[in-house]
N, C-alpha and C. Protein backbone atom coordinates (compact mmCIF):
# COMPACT_ATOMS: atom_id res chain seq x y z
N MET A 1 18.53 -18.52 -8.66
CA MET A 1 17.24 -18.76 -8.05
C MET A 1 17.23 -18.08 -6.69
N GLU A 2 16.15 -17.36 -6.44
CA GLU A 2 16.00 -16.70 -5.15
C GLU A 2 15.07 -17.52 -4.28
N GLN A 3 15.19 -17.33 -2.98
CA GLN A 3 14.30 -18.00 -2.05
C GLN A 3 13.50 -16.97 -1.29
N VAL A 4 12.26 -17.31 -0.98
CA VAL A 4 11.40 -16.45 -0.17
C VAL A 4 10.83 -17.30 0.96
N VAL A 5 10.36 -16.63 2.01
CA VAL A 5 9.81 -17.32 3.17
C VAL A 5 8.32 -17.01 3.26
N ILE A 6 7.52 -18.02 3.55
CA ILE A 6 6.09 -17.82 3.75
C ILE A 6 5.90 -17.22 5.15
N ARG A 7 5.18 -16.11 5.23
CA ARG A 7 4.95 -15.40 6.49
C ARG A 7 3.46 -15.24 6.73
N SER A 8 3.09 -15.08 7.98
CA SER A 8 1.70 -14.78 8.32
C SER A 8 1.36 -13.37 7.88
N TRP A 9 0.14 -13.21 7.38
CA TRP A 9 -0.34 -11.90 6.95
C TRP A 9 -1.82 -11.86 7.29
N GLY A 10 -2.12 -11.39 8.49
CA GLY A 10 -3.49 -11.45 8.99
C GLY A 10 -3.88 -12.89 9.20
N ASN A 11 -5.02 -13.29 8.64
CA ASN A 11 -5.46 -14.68 8.72
C ASN A 11 -4.94 -15.53 7.58
N SER A 12 -4.10 -14.97 6.73
CA SER A 12 -3.57 -15.67 5.57
C SER A 12 -2.06 -15.79 5.68
N GLN A 13 -1.45 -16.34 4.64
CA GLN A 13 0.00 -16.38 4.53
C GLN A 13 0.38 -15.72 3.21
N GLY A 14 1.59 -15.22 3.17
CA GLY A 14 2.04 -14.57 1.95
C GLY A 14 3.54 -14.60 1.82
N ILE A 15 4.02 -14.21 0.66
CA ILE A 15 5.46 -14.08 0.41
C ILE A 15 5.71 -12.66 -0.08
N ARG A 16 6.92 -12.21 0.09
CA ARG A 16 7.33 -10.92 -0.48
C ARG A 16 8.14 -11.20 -1.73
N ILE A 17 7.82 -10.47 -2.76
CA ILE A 17 8.55 -10.63 -4.02
C ILE A 17 9.66 -9.60 -4.05
N PRO A 18 10.91 -10.03 -4.22
CA PRO A 18 12.04 -9.10 -4.22
C PRO A 18 11.88 -7.99 -5.27
N LYS A 19 12.38 -6.82 -4.93
CA LYS A 19 12.28 -5.63 -5.78
C LYS A 19 12.85 -5.88 -7.18
N GLU A 20 13.97 -6.60 -7.25
CA GLU A 20 14.61 -6.85 -8.54
C GLU A 20 13.68 -7.63 -9.47
N ILE A 21 12.95 -8.58 -8.92
CA ILE A 21 12.02 -9.37 -9.74
C ILE A 21 10.84 -8.50 -10.17
N LEU A 22 10.33 -7.69 -9.26
CA LEU A 22 9.22 -6.78 -9.61
C LEU A 22 9.63 -5.85 -10.75
N GLU A 23 10.83 -5.30 -10.66
CA GLU A 23 11.31 -4.39 -11.71
C GLU A 23 11.51 -5.13 -13.03
N LYS A 24 12.09 -6.34 -12.96
CA LYS A 24 12.34 -7.11 -14.18
C LYS A 24 11.02 -7.46 -14.87
N MET A 25 10.00 -7.78 -14.09
CA MET A 25 8.69 -8.16 -14.64
C MET A 25 7.78 -6.94 -14.85
N GLN A 26 8.26 -5.76 -14.51
CA GLN A 26 7.51 -4.51 -14.62
C GLN A 26 6.17 -4.61 -13.89
N LEU A 27 6.24 -5.10 -12.63
CA LEU A 27 5.07 -5.22 -11.78
C LEU A 27 5.04 -4.09 -10.77
N LYS A 28 3.84 -3.70 -10.40
CA LYS A 28 3.68 -2.64 -9.40
C LYS A 28 2.53 -3.00 -8.47
N VAL A 29 2.39 -2.26 -7.39
CA VAL A 29 1.34 -2.50 -6.41
C VAL A 29 -0.02 -2.52 -7.10
N SER A 30 -0.86 -3.45 -6.73
CA SER A 30 -2.23 -3.63 -7.23
C SER A 30 -2.30 -4.32 -8.59
N ASP A 31 -1.17 -4.70 -9.20
CA ASP A 31 -1.23 -5.49 -10.42
C ASP A 31 -1.84 -6.84 -10.08
N VAL A 32 -2.56 -7.42 -11.03
CA VAL A 32 -3.21 -8.71 -10.83
C VAL A 32 -2.37 -9.78 -11.51
N LEU A 33 -2.12 -10.88 -10.79
CA LEU A 33 -1.37 -12.00 -11.33
C LEU A 33 -2.26 -13.22 -11.40
N ASP A 34 -2.07 -14.04 -12.42
CA ASP A 34 -2.73 -15.34 -12.51
C ASP A 34 -1.82 -16.33 -11.79
N ILE A 35 -2.42 -17.26 -11.03
CA ILE A 35 -1.65 -18.25 -10.29
C ILE A 35 -2.14 -19.64 -10.66
N GLU A 36 -1.21 -20.58 -10.83
CA GLU A 36 -1.59 -21.96 -11.10
C GLU A 36 -0.54 -22.90 -10.50
N ILE A 37 -0.95 -24.11 -10.29
CA ILE A 37 -0.03 -25.15 -9.83
C ILE A 37 0.31 -26.00 -11.03
N LYS A 38 1.60 -26.12 -11.32
CA LYS A 38 2.05 -26.91 -12.47
C LYS A 38 3.09 -27.89 -11.96
N ASP A 39 2.75 -29.17 -12.02
CA ASP A 39 3.59 -30.22 -11.43
C ASP A 39 3.79 -29.90 -9.96
N ASP A 40 5.02 -29.63 -9.54
CA ASP A 40 5.26 -29.31 -8.14
C ASP A 40 5.67 -27.84 -7.96
N ALA A 41 5.19 -26.97 -8.85
CA ALA A 41 5.56 -25.56 -8.80
C ALA A 41 4.33 -24.67 -8.75
N ILE A 42 4.48 -23.53 -8.08
CA ILE A 42 3.46 -22.48 -8.10
C ILE A 42 3.93 -21.48 -9.15
N VAL A 43 3.08 -21.24 -10.15
CA VAL A 43 3.45 -20.36 -11.26
C VAL A 43 2.60 -19.10 -11.19
N LEU A 44 3.26 -17.94 -11.17
CA LEU A 44 2.59 -16.64 -11.21
C LEU A 44 2.84 -16.02 -12.57
N ARG A 45 1.78 -15.51 -13.21
CA ARG A 45 1.91 -14.85 -14.51
C ARG A 45 1.21 -13.51 -14.48
N LYS A 46 1.78 -12.55 -15.20
CA LYS A 46 1.10 -11.28 -15.35
C LYS A 46 -0.22 -11.53 -16.07
N GLN A 47 -1.26 -10.90 -15.59
CA GLN A 47 -2.56 -11.06 -16.22
C GLN A 47 -2.54 -10.37 -17.58
N PHE A 48 -3.09 -11.04 -18.59
CA PHE A 48 -3.14 -10.45 -19.92
C PHE A 48 -4.18 -9.33 -19.92
N VAL A 49 -3.77 -8.17 -20.35
CA VAL A 49 -4.68 -7.02 -20.41
C VAL A 49 -4.70 -6.52 -21.85
N HIS A 50 -5.89 -6.47 -22.42
CA HIS A 50 -6.01 -5.96 -23.78
C HIS A 50 -5.68 -4.47 -23.78
N LYS A 51 -4.97 -4.05 -24.82
CA LYS A 51 -4.65 -2.63 -24.97
C LYS A 51 -5.85 -1.91 -25.55
N SER A 52 -6.00 -0.67 -25.15
CA SER A 52 -7.08 0.14 -25.70
C SER A 52 -6.72 0.55 -27.12
N PHE A 53 -7.70 1.02 -27.86
CA PHE A 53 -7.45 1.51 -29.22
C PHE A 53 -6.42 2.63 -29.19
N GLU A 54 -6.54 3.51 -28.21
CA GLU A 54 -5.62 4.65 -28.10
C GLU A 54 -4.19 4.16 -27.86
N GLU A 55 -4.02 3.13 -26.99
CA GLU A 55 -2.68 2.59 -26.74
C GLU A 55 -2.11 1.95 -28.00
N ARG A 56 -2.93 1.22 -28.73
CA ARG A 56 -2.47 0.58 -29.96
C ARG A 56 -2.09 1.64 -31.00
N LEU A 57 -2.90 2.68 -31.10
CA LEU A 57 -2.63 3.74 -32.06
C LEU A 57 -1.33 4.47 -31.72
N ALA A 58 -1.08 4.68 -30.43
CA ALA A 58 0.15 5.36 -30.01
C ALA A 58 1.39 4.54 -30.37
N GLU A 59 1.27 3.21 -30.40
CA GLU A 59 2.39 2.33 -30.73
C GLU A 59 2.57 2.13 -32.24
N TYR A 60 1.58 2.50 -33.02
CA TYR A 60 1.61 2.25 -34.46
C TYR A 60 2.71 3.07 -35.11
N ASP A 61 3.56 2.40 -35.91
CA ASP A 61 4.69 3.06 -36.55
C ASP A 61 4.45 3.38 -38.03
N GLY A 62 3.23 3.15 -38.52
CA GLY A 62 2.91 3.48 -39.89
C GLY A 62 3.17 2.36 -40.88
N VAL A 63 3.73 1.25 -40.43
CA VAL A 63 4.05 0.14 -41.32
C VAL A 63 2.93 -0.90 -41.22
N ILE A 64 2.43 -1.30 -42.38
CA ILE A 64 1.41 -2.34 -42.43
C ILE A 64 2.09 -3.61 -42.93
N SER A 65 1.98 -4.66 -42.15
CA SER A 65 2.60 -5.92 -42.58
C SER A 65 1.50 -6.90 -42.97
N VAL A 66 1.72 -7.56 -44.09
CA VAL A 66 0.77 -8.54 -44.59
C VAL A 66 1.54 -9.83 -44.78
N CYS A 67 0.98 -10.92 -44.31
CA CYS A 67 1.66 -12.19 -44.50
C CYS A 67 0.66 -13.22 -45.01
N ASP A 68 1.16 -14.17 -45.79
CA ASP A 68 0.33 -15.26 -46.29
C ASP A 68 0.26 -16.33 -45.22
N PHE A 69 -0.88 -17.00 -45.16
CA PHE A 69 -1.04 -18.09 -44.22
C PHE A 69 -1.36 -19.35 -44.99
N ASP A 70 -0.64 -20.42 -44.69
CA ASP A 70 -0.84 -21.69 -45.36
C ASP A 70 -1.91 -22.49 -44.61
N TRP A 71 -3.09 -22.61 -45.19
CA TRP A 71 -4.18 -23.35 -44.57
C TRP A 71 -4.10 -24.83 -44.88
N GLY A 72 -3.12 -25.25 -45.67
CA GLY A 72 -2.98 -26.66 -46.03
C GLY A 72 -3.74 -26.96 -47.31
N GLU A 73 -3.73 -28.21 -47.67
CA GLU A 73 -4.39 -28.66 -48.89
C GLU A 73 -5.91 -28.67 -48.69
N PRO A 74 -6.70 -28.40 -49.77
CA PRO A 74 -8.15 -28.49 -49.66
C PRO A 74 -8.55 -29.90 -49.26
N VAL A 75 -9.57 -30.00 -48.39
CA VAL A 75 -10.01 -31.33 -47.94
C VAL A 75 -11.48 -31.56 -48.21
N GLY A 76 -12.16 -30.57 -48.76
CA GLY A 76 -13.59 -30.71 -48.99
C GLY A 76 -14.00 -30.01 -50.26
N ARG A 77 -15.03 -29.21 -50.17
CA ARG A 77 -15.59 -28.55 -51.35
C ARG A 77 -15.25 -27.06 -51.35
N GLU A 78 -14.03 -26.74 -50.94
CA GLU A 78 -13.60 -25.35 -50.93
C GLU A 78 -13.57 -24.79 -52.35
N ILE A 79 -13.89 -23.53 -52.46
CA ILE A 79 -13.81 -22.85 -53.74
C ILE A 79 -12.43 -22.23 -53.85
N LEU A 80 -11.71 -22.56 -54.91
CA LEU A 80 -10.36 -22.03 -55.09
C LEU A 80 -10.34 -20.91 -56.07
């Protein structure tokens, strides 16, 4: 566990995130993080960003995977 110190930054306060953590999380300047308070902790998360069609296509390896999904037993007037 690393420790950081809260410092003044203009009219606000801030912390510096160590380089090793930035690299591990693949964060860079101007990235947006989501912040929340959970119990007695401040939690920072990388903001979810949808990939563009071009990015998805570039990652496609040509394999199509199909899986069955179990919706459970019929409970009404479903057509089987």
